[in-house]
Amino acid sequence: MSKWYLSKSKILSGNQCLKRLYLEVNKPELSEVSGALAQQFATGHAVGTAAQTLWPKGHLITHDSELAEALRETQQYLSDDPEAILFEATFQSDGVLVRNDILECNAYGARLVEIKASTSVKDYHLLDVAIQTWVLQHTGIDLKRIELGHINTNFVYQGDGNYDGLFTFVDIAKDIRGHLRAIPQLVSRLRKMLKGTEPIIGIGPHCHEPFECPFLNYCTPPQPEYPVNLLPRGGKVITALLAEGYRDLRDVPPGRLTNATHERIWRVTKAGKPELLPGGKELIDKLTYPRYYMDFETVQFAVPIWKGTRPYERLPFQWSCEIETIDRTLRHAEFLDTSGNAPMESFCRTLLDCMGEDGPIFVYNAAFEKSVLTGLAERFPHDAGRLKKLIERVVDLLPITRDHYYHPDMHGSWSIKDVLPTIAPQLAYQNLGVVQDGGGAPAAYLEILNQATPEVRRESLITDLLRYCERDTVAMVELKKFIAD
């Protein structure tokens, strides 16, 4: 079909940013799909597949790349069966093409259901459904019900393949009326734009809302080594500095920044030398031995796969620990369950066995580990007492580091992945395999669980996961040495 043919997704892209739509149509090779975005696509597919199980008599319209055939097949089903239930039903009107998640027909009219992986109805969902409704109405479909199905986080999977209750269905017919009226004008504006040259649109909030733009790198102008937007939680301050003509943080005059953290980042960056303040060593030296350096990896499923779990519940599948004795000897311990069975109980028991009864447990950004331990205590009441004692022993290295250390190369971030290269460059995460960040770990785990993954690939991913989680705990050991030794 012609590149001027407007699909629903292209209209949504154009509504977010005209330049994004122009690039999707004319320069798609410039698109960069991040791992996080790819994971969103995978999640959406899993959610859609789960929704289809609620309509066992439904028919899937395939032909993803042959839209003309998808249009023909849709019409054939509707002609043959006035009570057809279709998945990915495909329609077009006035050059606008849509595919419906669920279209349920009967003698009284049709029910349109859009399925989303979110946990509530979002504003941008309304335009999505309005575009579908507009096309269906123009093709003669008599819509009686227009709904959006989103994830119900109170749903608890029973392990039987039954996902009845996973979705909350919301009638949004009234909510989309304003969008319906605006669609002809929006479509006309997008078509007019596509006939012209590439729009000149600068970087702004629209690059991230409601979706991260895959053309962000293309649109981002060259930046100085230390741009003012590296200031954490800069918000209005960054906007004001840019308006005043400052691009390089080092050019900002003394006294201009009032936030203490911003001023410190500016001072260290301008000096070009790291700053290690006193006080951190004293905080660490008063702690006893043995010392534990602990890190977790977790996975979240929009569609639960293990009995007794809920959508988007944070489920731990891996831990790593370095155990340091008073003579500074280190011993490594680890756990990773790749069996495909629910790993939480084994995770819990092996962790409790490893951590002993006393001694500080170092983590980096304690809120995460504490939330995982709290979740385990709720899931396994018989271990709740011991898990709560672990929480009481947790020592967070993040605030200690943030209060006492900064290096220009951290670029405004105290993430362990930004701190580590400045104190132990040989341990940089870029030296690892395919798993180099927190987003890569659950993605690798899901690929390991996929039965279609070749064994050689699976073994490689397991190795990479173990190395990645160990790197986090070794990083904390090095950070402790740097601050306190």
Protein backbone atom coordinates (compact mmCIF):
# COMPACT_ATOMS: atom_id res chain seq x y z
CA MET A 1 0.00 0.00 0.00
CA SER A 2 1.05 3.58 -0.56
CA LYS A 3 3.21 5.22 2.07
CA TRP A 4 0.54 7.93 2.25
CA TYR A 5 -1.91 5.39 3.59
CA LEU A 6 -2.53 6.37 7.23
CA SER A 7 -2.76 3.59 9.77
CA LYS A 8 -3.97 4.16 13.30
CA SER A 9 -0.43 3.94 14.65
CA LYS A 10 0.78 6.57 12.19
CA ILE A 11 -2.01 8.94 13.18
CA LEU A 12 -1.06 8.47 16.83
CA SER A 13 2.59 9.16 15.96
CA GLY A 14 1.61 12.30 14.06
CA ASN A 15 -0.55 13.48 16.92
CA GLN A 16 2.43 13.14 19.25
CA CYS A 17 4.82 14.87 16.85
CA LEU A 18 4.51 15.77 13.17
CA LYS A 19 8.20 15.19 12.65
CA ARG A 20 7.97 11.69 14.06
CA LEU A 21 5.31 10.73 11.52
CA TYR A 22 7.28 12.32 8.68
CA LEU A 23 10.35 10.28 9.64
CA GLU A 24 8.35 7.06 10.02
CA VAL A 25 7.06 7.46 6.47
CA ASN A 26 10.11 8.90 4.72
CA LYS A 27 13.18 7.91 6.77
CA PRO A 28 12.27 4.76 8.74
CA GLU A 29 15.89 3.60 8.67
CA LEU A 30 16.71 6.31 11.23
CA SER A 31 14.52 4.66 13.84
CA GLU A 32 16.25 3.15 16.86
CA VAL A 33 14.10 0.73 18.83
CA SER A 34 15.40 0.43 22.39
CA GLY A 35 15.35 -2.77 24.37
CA ALA A 36 12.68 -1.27 26.61
CA LEU A 37 10.48 -0.47 23.62
CA ALA A 38 10.96 -3.95 22.21
CA GLN A 39 9.92 -5.35 25.59
CA GLN A 40 6.78 -3.19 25.49
CA PHE A 41 5.88 -4.70 22.13
CA ALA A 42 6.38 -8.21 23.53
CA THR A 43 4.24 -7.39 26.56
CA GLY A 44 1.48 -6.00 24.35
CA HIS A 45 1.50 -9.17 22.26
CA ALA A 46 1.24 -11.37 25.37
CA VAL A 47 -1.64 -9.29 26.73
CA GLY A 48 -3.48 -9.44 23.40
CA THR A 49 -3.06 -13.20 23.20
CA ALA A 50 -4.41 -13.63 26.75
CA ALA A 51 -7.44 -11.48 25.90
CA GLN A 52 -8.24 -13.64 22.89
CA THR A 53 -8.64 -16.68 25.15
CA LEU A 54 -11.73 -14.98 26.64
CA TRP A 55 -13.45 -15.31 23.25
CA PRO A 56 -12.88 -19.00 22.39
CA LYS A 57 -15.02 -18.74 19.24
CA GLY A 58 -13.03 -15.84 17.84
CA HIS A 59 -11.19 -15.88 14.50
CA LEU A 60 -7.78 -14.26 14.03
CA ILE A 61 -7.29 -12.15 10.91
CA THR A 62 -3.66 -12.64 9.98
CA HIS A 63 -1.86 -11.19 6.93
CA ASP A 64 0.16 -8.65 8.93
CA SER A 65 2.11 -7.58 5.84
CA GLU A 66 -0.70 -8.17 3.33
CA LEU A 67 -3.27 -5.65 4.44
CA ALA A 68 -5.36 -5.92 1.29
CA GLU A 69 -5.83 -9.61 2.06
CA ALA A 70 -6.62 -8.79 5.70
CA LEU A 71 -9.33 -6.39 4.52
CA ARG A 72 -10.77 -9.07 2.22
CA GLU A 73 -10.70 -11.77 4.87
CA THR A 74 -12.44 -9.50 7.39
CA GLN A 75 -15.27 -8.77 5.00
CA GLN A 76 -15.58 -12.45 4.14
CA TYR A 77 -16.05 -13.41 7.79
CA LEU A 78 -18.62 -10.66 8.33
CA SER A 79 -20.55 -11.75 5.22
CA ASP A 80 -20.54 -15.40 6.18
CA ASP A 81 -21.40 -14.98 9.87
CA PRO A 82 -23.45 -12.05 11.26
CA GLU A 83 -22.32 -13.10 14.75
CA ALA A 84 -18.61 -13.30 13.95
CA ILE A 85 -16.03 -12.59 16.65
CA LEU A 86 -12.83 -11.30 15.06
CA PHE A 87 -9.35 -10.60 16.34
CA GLU A 88 -7.35 -8.01 14.35
CA ALA A 89 -10.35 -7.26 12.14
CA THR A 90 -9.11 -4.87 9.47
CA PHE A 91 -11.02 -1.91 8.00
CA GLN A 92 -10.27 1.20 6.00
CA SER A 93 -12.16 4.37 5.20
CA ASP A 94 -10.99 7.46 3.36
CA GLY A 95 -7.43 6.14 3.35
CA VAL A 96 -7.34 5.47 7.11
CA LEU A 97 -6.69 1.87 8.11
CA VAL A 98 -7.31 0.24 11.50
CA ARG A 99 -7.04 -3.22 13.05
CA ASN A 100 -9.31 -3.97 16.01
CA ASP A 101 -8.20 -6.09 18.93
CA ILE A 102 -11.68 -7.53 19.46
CA LEU A 103 -14.78 -7.03 17.30
CA GLU A 104 -17.80 -8.97 18.53
CA CYS A 105 -20.84 -8.88 16.24
CA ASN A 106 -24.43 -9.96 16.66
CA ALA A 107 -27.90 -9.16 15.30
CA TYR A 108 -28.19 -6.07 17.50
CA GLY A 109 -24.91 -4.42 16.58
CA ALA A 110 -21.23 -4.74 17.36
CA ARG A 111 -18.97 -4.48 20.39
CA LEU A 112 -15.49 -2.99 19.92
CA VAL A 113 -12.91 -3.81 22.58
CA GLU A 114 -9.42 -2.35 22.60
CA ILE A 115 -6.98 -4.24 24.83
CA LYS A 116 -4.19 -2.40 26.64
CA ALA A 117 -1.37 -3.61 28.88
CA SER A 118 -1.77 -0.61 31.19
CA THR A 119 -3.55 -0.81 34.53
CA SER A 120 -6.01 2.02 33.83
CA VAL A 121 -7.51 4.03 30.99
CA LYS A 122 -5.04 6.66 29.77
CA ASP A 123 -5.87 9.86 27.91
CA TYR A 124 -3.99 8.73 24.80
CA HIS A 125 -6.08 5.54 24.68
CA LEU A 126 -9.14 7.60 23.84
CA LEU A 127 -7.78 8.88 20.53
CA ASP A 128 -6.65 5.34 19.70
CA VAL A 129 -10.17 3.97 20.11
CA ALA A 130 -11.76 7.05 18.50
CA ILE A 131 -9.79 6.43 15.28
CA GLN A 132 -11.03 2.85 15.17
CA THR A 133 -14.59 3.94 15.89
CA TRP A 134 -14.49 6.61 13.18
CA VAL A 135 -13.38 4.10 10.55
CA LEU A 136 -15.88 1.45 11.63
CA GLN A 137 -18.75 3.93 11.57
CA HIS A 138 -17.77 5.04 8.07
CA THR A 139 -17.72 1.44 6.86
CA GLY A 140 -21.23 0.76 8.11
CA ILE A 141 -20.48 -1.12 11.32
CA ASP A 142 -23.22 -0.41 13.87
CA LEU A 143 -21.29 -0.06 17.12
CA LYS A 144 -23.41 -0.50 20.21
CA ARG A 145 -20.60 -0.85 22.75
CA ILE A 146 -17.15 0.72 22.74
CA GLU A 147 -14.87 -0.52 25.49
CA LEU A 148 -11.30 -0.58 26.63
CA GLY A 149 -9.93 -3.56 28.52
CA HIS A 150 -7.00 -2.86 30.83
CA ILE A 151 -5.08 -5.05 33.26
CA ASN A 152 -6.71 -5.75 36.62
CA THR A 153 -3.87 -5.87 39.16
CA ASN A 154 -6.08 -7.62 41.71
CA PHE A 155 -6.32 -10.68 39.48
CA VAL A 156 -4.56 -13.73 40.94
CA TYR A 157 -3.65 -16.43 38.46
CA GLN A 158 -4.62 -19.94 39.47
CA GLY A 159 -2.18 -21.66 37.14
CA ASP A 160 -4.88 -23.25 35.01
CA GLY A 161 -4.62 -21.18 31.82
CA ASN A 162 -7.81 -19.31 32.70
CA TYR A 163 -7.43 -15.53 32.44
CA ASP A 164 -11.04 -14.63 33.10
CA GLY A 165 -10.76 -11.62 35.41
CA LEU A 166 -7.38 -10.44 34.12
CA PHE A 167 -9.03 -7.45 32.44
CA THR A 168 -11.28 -4.66 33.60
CA PHE A 169 -13.57 -3.55 30.77
CA VAL A 170 -14.54 0.13 30.72
CA ASP A 171 -17.23 1.73 28.55
CA ILE A 172 -15.54 4.74 26.93
CA ALA A 173 -18.14 5.59 24.27
CA LYS A 174 -18.87 8.99 25.83
CA ASP A 175 -15.22 9.75 26.51
CA ILE A 176 -14.14 9.53 22.86
CA ARG A 177 -16.77 11.88 21.42
CA GLY A 178 -14.52 14.92 21.34
CA HIS A 179 -11.76 12.95 19.64
CA LEU A 180 -14.21 11.62 17.06
CA ARG A 181 -15.13 15.13 15.99
CA ALA A 182 -11.46 16.10 15.66
CA ILE A 183 -10.32 13.15 13.53
CA PRO A 184 -11.14 14.54 10.04
CA GLN A 185 -9.17 17.70 10.75
CA LEU A 186 -6.29 15.73 12.26
CA VAL A 187 -6.10 13.39 9.26
CA SER A 188 -6.19 16.33 6.87
CA ARG A 189 -3.38 18.08 8.74
CA LEU A 190 -1.19 14.97 8.73
CA ARG A 191 -1.69 14.37 5.01
CA LYS A 192 -0.83 17.97 4.22
CA MET A 193 2.33 17.71 6.31
CA LEU A 194 3.41 14.50 4.56
CA LYS A 195 3.25 16.23 1.18
CA GLY A 196 5.77 18.83 2.33
CA THR A 197 9.30 18.84 3.64
CA GLU A 198 10.52 17.55 6.98
CA PRO A 199 9.00 19.65 9.80
CA ILE A 200 11.37 21.67 11.96
CA ILE A 201 10.51 20.67 15.50
CA GLY A 202 12.90 20.83 18.44
CA ILE A 203 13.43 18.44 21.31
CA GLY A 204 10.86 18.67 24.10
CA PRO A 205 8.48 16.74 26.36
CA HIS A 206 6.66 15.46 23.26
CA CYS A 207 9.71 13.28 22.56
CA HIS A 208 8.81 11.11 25.54
CA GLU A 209 5.05 11.43 26.01
CA PRO A 210 3.02 9.39 25.63
CA PHE A 211 5.73 7.20 24.08
CA GLU A 212 9.49 7.34 23.76
CA CYS A 213 10.28 8.44 20.22
CA PRO A 214 12.56 6.07 18.25
CA PHE A 215 13.98 9.07 16.35
CA LEU A 216 15.22 10.87 19.46
CA ASN A 217 18.91 10.43 18.66
CA TYR A 218 18.38 11.73 15.13
CA CYS A 219 16.57 14.83 16.37
CA THR A 220 18.93 15.60 19.25
CA PRO A 221 21.44 18.29 18.26
CA PRO A 222 25.13 17.87 19.19
CA GLN A 223 25.60 18.35 22.92
CA PRO A 224 28.57 19.71 24.88
CA GLU A 225 30.43 17.20 26.99
CA TYR A 226 28.66 18.47 30.09
CA PRO A 227 25.26 19.86 29.05
CA VAL A 228 23.16 21.72 31.59
CA ASN A 229 20.47 19.08 31.33
CA LEU A 230 22.63 16.61 33.26
CA LEU A 231 21.49 18.32 36.46
CA PRO A 232 19.32 15.72 38.24
CA ARG A 233 15.70 16.75 38.73
CA GLY A 234 16.63 20.02 37.06
CA GLY A 235 13.22 20.71 35.55
CA LYS A 236 12.57 24.43 35.60
CA VAL A 237 16.22 25.22 36.36
CA ILE A 238 17.38 23.54 33.15
CA THR A 239 14.64 25.27 31.15
CA ALA A 240 15.68 28.63 32.57
CA LEU A 241 19.39 28.03 31.89
CA LEU A 242 18.67 27.07 28.29
CA ALA A 243 16.50 30.16 27.88
CA GLU A 244 19.40 32.26 29.18
CA GLY A 245 21.64 30.78 26.50
CA TYR A 246 23.63 28.32 28.62
CA ARG A 247 24.30 24.95 27.05
CA ASP A 248 27.51 23.87 28.78
CA LEU A 249 27.26 23.49 32.54
CA ARG A 250 30.79 24.83 32.92
CA ASP A 251 29.69 28.18 31.46
CA VAL A 252 27.07 28.78 34.14
CA PRO A 253 28.34 31.64 36.36
CA PRO A 254 29.05 31.21 40.08
CA GLY A 255 26.03 31.74 42.30
CA ARG A 256 23.50 31.03 39.56
CA LEU A 257 22.55 27.59 40.97
CA THR A 258 20.76 27.55 44.32
CA ASN A 259 20.22 23.81 44.79
CA ALA A 260 23.10 22.36 46.87
CA THR A 261 23.41 19.21 44.76
CA HIS A 262 23.35 21.19 41.51
CA GLU A 263 25.97 23.58 42.85
CA ARG A 264 28.19 20.67 43.87
CA ILE A 265 27.89 19.03 40.44
CA TRP A 266 28.70 22.37 38.81
CA ARG A 267 31.72 22.91 41.09
CA VAL A 268 33.23 19.47 40.46
CA THR A 269 32.50 19.61 36.74
CA LYS A 270 34.06 23.03 36.36
CA ALA A 271 37.14 21.95 38.32
CA GLY A 272 37.43 18.77 36.26
CA LYS A 273 38.46 16.73 39.31
CA PRO A 274 36.51 14.27 41.48
CA GLU A 275 35.55 15.19 45.01
CA LEU A 276 35.51 12.74 47.93
CA LEU A 277 34.21 14.38 51.08
CA PRO A 278 35.05 13.18 54.60
CA GLY A 279 32.47 11.35 56.66
CA GLY A 280 31.71 8.31 54.54
CA LYS A 281 34.58 6.29 55.98
CA GLU A 282 33.33 6.86 59.54
CA LEU A 283 29.83 5.67 58.63
CA ILE A 284 31.17 2.42 57.19
CA ASP A 285 33.94 1.76 59.73
CA LYS A 286 31.49 1.50 62.61
CA LEU A 287 29.75 -1.46 60.96
CA THR A 288 30.57 -5.01 62.05
CA TYR A 289 31.62 -8.20 60.25
CA PRO A 290 30.76 -10.36 58.41
CA ARG A 291 29.58 -7.93 55.74
CA TYR A 292 27.25 -8.92 52.92
CA TYR A 293 26.94 -7.20 49.53
CA MET A 294 23.59 -8.20 48.02
CA ASP A 295 21.78 -7.63 44.73
CA PHE A 296 18.52 -8.98 43.25
CA GLU A 297 17.08 -9.36 39.77
CA THR A 298 13.32 -9.51 39.25
CA VAL A 299 10.82 -10.02 36.46
CA GLN A 300 7.28 -8.71 35.98
CA PHE A 301 4.59 -10.32 33.84
CA ALA A 302 1.58 -8.41 32.57
CA VAL A 303 0.05 -11.85 32.05
CA PRO A 304 1.01 -14.02 35.04
CA ILE A 305 2.49 -17.42 34.27
CA TRP A 306 2.88 -18.82 37.80
CA LYS A 307 0.10 -19.85 40.16
CA GLY A 308 -0.65 -17.38 42.93
CA THR A 309 0.93 -14.36 41.19
CA ARG A 310 -0.62 -11.08 40.05
CA PRO A 311 -0.06 -8.91 36.97
CA TYR A 312 3.06 -6.77 37.18
CA GLU A 313 4.03 -8.28 40.51
CA ARG A 314 7.77 -7.96 41.02
CA LEU A 315 9.03 -11.55 41.24
CA PRO A 316 12.67 -12.28 42.15
CA PHE A 317 14.51 -14.95 40.22
CA GLN A 318 18.20 -14.24 40.95
CA TRP A 319 20.45 -13.01 43.72
CA SER A 320 24.17 -12.45 44.08
CA CYS A 321 26.17 -11.89 47.24
CA GLU A 322 29.76 -11.18 48.26
CA ILE A 323 30.51 -12.16 51.87
CA GLU A 324 33.41 -10.31 53.52
CA THR A 325 34.99 -11.53 56.77
CA ILE A 326 36.97 -9.42 59.24
CA ASP A 327 40.25 -10.41 57.58
CA ARG A 328 38.87 -8.96 54.29
CA THR A 329 38.49 -12.38 52.69
CA LEU A 330 35.68 -12.49 50.13
CA ARG A 331 33.43 -15.39 49.21
CA HIS A 332 30.89 -15.28 46.38
CA ALA A 333 27.45 -16.89 46.53
CA GLU A 334 24.66 -16.78 43.95
CA PHE A 335 21.27 -18.13 42.94
CA LEU A 336 19.55 -18.27 39.56
CA ASP A 337 16.50 -20.40 38.76
CA THR A 338 16.09 -21.07 35.03
CA SER A 339 13.83 -24.12 35.36
CA GLY A 340 10.72 -22.24 34.28
CA ASN A 341 9.02 -23.02 37.58
CA ALA A 342 8.10 -20.27 40.03
CA PRO A 343 11.48 -19.30 41.57
CA MET A 344 10.32 -17.25 44.57
CA GLU A 345 10.41 -19.92 47.28
CA SER A 346 13.82 -21.26 46.28
CA PHE A 347 15.07 -17.68 46.01
CA CYS A 348 13.83 -17.00 49.54
CA ARG A 349 15.20 -20.12 51.19
CA THR A 350 18.64 -19.97 49.59
CA LEU A 351 18.95 -16.26 50.41
CA LEU A 352 18.08 -16.82 54.06
CA ASP A 353 20.60 -19.65 54.26
CA CYS A 354 23.31 -17.42 52.81
CA MET A 355 22.76 -14.30 54.88
CA GLY A 356 23.37 -15.70 58.35
CA GLU A 357 21.93 -14.07 61.44
CA ASP A 358 23.91 -10.83 61.79
CA GLY A 359 26.17 -8.40 59.97
CA PRO A 360 25.33 -5.45 57.70
CA ILE A 361 23.85 -6.17 54.28
CA PHE A 362 25.02 -3.57 51.77
CA VAL A 363 22.75 -2.76 48.85
CA TYR A 364 22.60 0.10 46.37
CA ASN A 365 19.25 1.90 46.43
CA ALA A 366 17.65 0.01 49.32
CA ALA A 367 14.03 0.71 48.37
CA PHE A 368 14.19 -1.97 45.68
CA GLU A 369 15.66 -4.79 47.77
CA LYS A 370 13.45 -3.92 50.74
CA SER A 371 10.33 -4.05 48.58
CA VAL A 372 11.34 -7.48 47.25
CA LEU A 373 11.98 -8.79 50.76
CA THR A 374 8.67 -7.35 51.95
CA GLY A 375 6.87 -9.07 49.09
CA LEU A 376 8.52 -12.38 49.99
CA ALA A 377 7.47 -11.96 53.63
CA GLU A 378 3.87 -11.52 52.50
CA ARG A 379 4.05 -14.53 50.19
CA PHE A 380 5.78 -16.82 52.70
CA PRO A 381 4.46 -15.97 56.19
CA HIS A 382 6.49 -18.77 57.79
CA ASP A 383 9.68 -16.95 56.75
CA ALA A 384 8.38 -13.44 57.45
CA GLY A 385 10.25 -13.01 60.73
CA ARG A 386 13.64 -13.86 59.28
CA LEU A 387 13.01 -11.73 56.18
CA LYS A 388 12.09 -8.73 58.32
CA LYS A 389 15.35 -9.15 60.22
CA LEU A 390 17.20 -9.04 56.89
CA ILE A 391 15.48 -5.75 56.11
CA GLU A 392 16.63 -4.34 59.45
CA ARG A 393 20.23 -5.19 58.55
CA VAL A 394 20.20 -3.43 55.17
CA VAL A 395 22.69 -0.57 54.70
CA ASP A 396 22.17 1.60 51.62
CA LEU A 397 25.39 2.61 49.87
CA LEU A 398 23.57 5.01 47.53
CA PRO A 399 23.01 7.90 49.99
CA ILE A 400 26.50 7.41 51.44
CA THR A 401 27.97 7.70 47.96
CA ARG A 402 25.70 10.57 46.96
CA ASP A 403 26.59 12.57 50.06
CA HIS A 404 30.33 12.05 49.85
CA TYR A 405 31.47 11.44 46.25
CA TYR A 406 31.10 12.94 42.82
CA HIS A 407 33.15 12.64 39.63
CA PRO A 408 32.64 14.76 36.48
CA ASP A 409 32.28 11.60 34.38
CA MET A 410 29.17 10.61 36.35
CA HIS A 411 27.26 13.30 34.42
CA GLY A 412 24.82 14.07 37.22
CA SER A 413 24.00 10.43 38.01
CA TRP A 414 24.76 8.34 41.08
CA SER A 415 23.67 5.12 39.43
CA ILE A 416 26.11 2.34 40.30
CA LYS A 417 26.71 1.93 36.57
CA ASP A 418 27.88 5.55 36.35
CA VAL A 419 29.87 5.51 39.59
CA LEU A 420 31.79 2.26 39.02
CA PRO A 421 33.77 3.30 35.91
CA THR A 422 35.15 6.30 37.83
CA ILE A 423 36.59 4.16 40.64
CA ALA A 424 37.24 0.80 38.93
CA PRO A 425 37.14 1.26 35.14
CA GLN A 426 38.18 -2.37 34.57
CA LEU A 427 34.77 -3.37 35.95
CA ALA A 428 32.67 -1.17 33.66
CA TYR A 429 29.36 -2.76 32.69
CA GLN A 430 30.11 -2.24 29.01
CA ASN A 431 32.68 -5.02 29.35
CA LEU A 432 29.94 -7.56 30.03
CA GLY A 433 27.97 -9.62 27.53
CA VAL A 434 24.45 -8.93 26.30
CA VAL A 435 23.18 -8.19 29.83
CA GLN A 436 24.54 -4.80 30.81
CA ASP A 437 21.71 -3.14 32.70
CA GLY A 438 18.60 -3.76 34.77
CA GLY A 439 16.37 -3.83 31.71
CA GLY A 440 18.52 -6.44 30.00
CA ALA A 441 18.33 -8.88 32.92
CA PRO A 442 14.58 -9.66 32.83
CA ALA A 443 14.66 -9.65 29.01
CA ALA A 444 17.42 -12.29 29.11
CA TYR A 445 15.50 -14.28 31.71
CA LEU A 446 12.36 -14.32 29.58
CA GLU A 447 14.40 -15.51 26.60
CA ILE A 448 15.88 -18.30 28.73
CA LEU A 449 12.39 -19.41 29.74
CA ASN A 450 11.24 -19.45 26.12
CA GLN A 451 11.30 -23.08 24.99
CA ALA A 452 12.09 -21.98 21.44
CA THR A 453 15.45 -20.50 22.53
CA PRO A 454 18.33 -22.65 21.23
CA GLU A 455 20.33 -24.36 23.97
CA VAL A 456 23.59 -22.64 23.00
CA ARG A 457 21.91 -19.23 23.22
CA ARG A 458 20.26 -20.21 26.49
CA GLU A 459 23.55 -21.22 28.11
CA SER A 460 25.18 -18.00 26.94
CA LEU A 461 22.38 -15.92 28.46
CA ILE A 462 22.64 -17.78 31.77
CA THR A 463 26.36 -17.01 31.88
CA ASP A 464 25.71 -13.36 31.08
CA LEU A 465 23.03 -13.10 33.78
CA LEU A 466 25.32 -14.56 36.42
CA ARG A 467 28.16 -12.24 35.42
CA TYR A 468 25.89 -9.20 35.43
CA CYS A 469 24.40 -9.78 38.86
CA GLU A 470 27.85 -10.57 40.28
CA ARG A 471 29.18 -7.34 38.78
CA ASP A 472 26.63 -5.42 40.86
CA THR A 473 27.79 -6.97 44.10
CA VAL A 474 31.50 -6.73 43.26
CA ALA A 475 30.87 -3.07 42.39
CA MET A 476 29.61 -2.44 45.91
CA VAL A 477 32.70 -4.07 47.38
CA GLU A 478 34.91 -1.78 45.28
CA LEU A 479 32.81 1.23 46.21
CA LYS A 480 33.10 0.44 49.91
CA LYS A 481 36.87 0.12 49.55
CA PHE A 482 37.07 3.41 47.72
CA ILE A 483 35.10 5.30 50.35
CA ALA A 484 36.34 3.63 53.52
CA ASP A 485 39.76 2.05 52.95
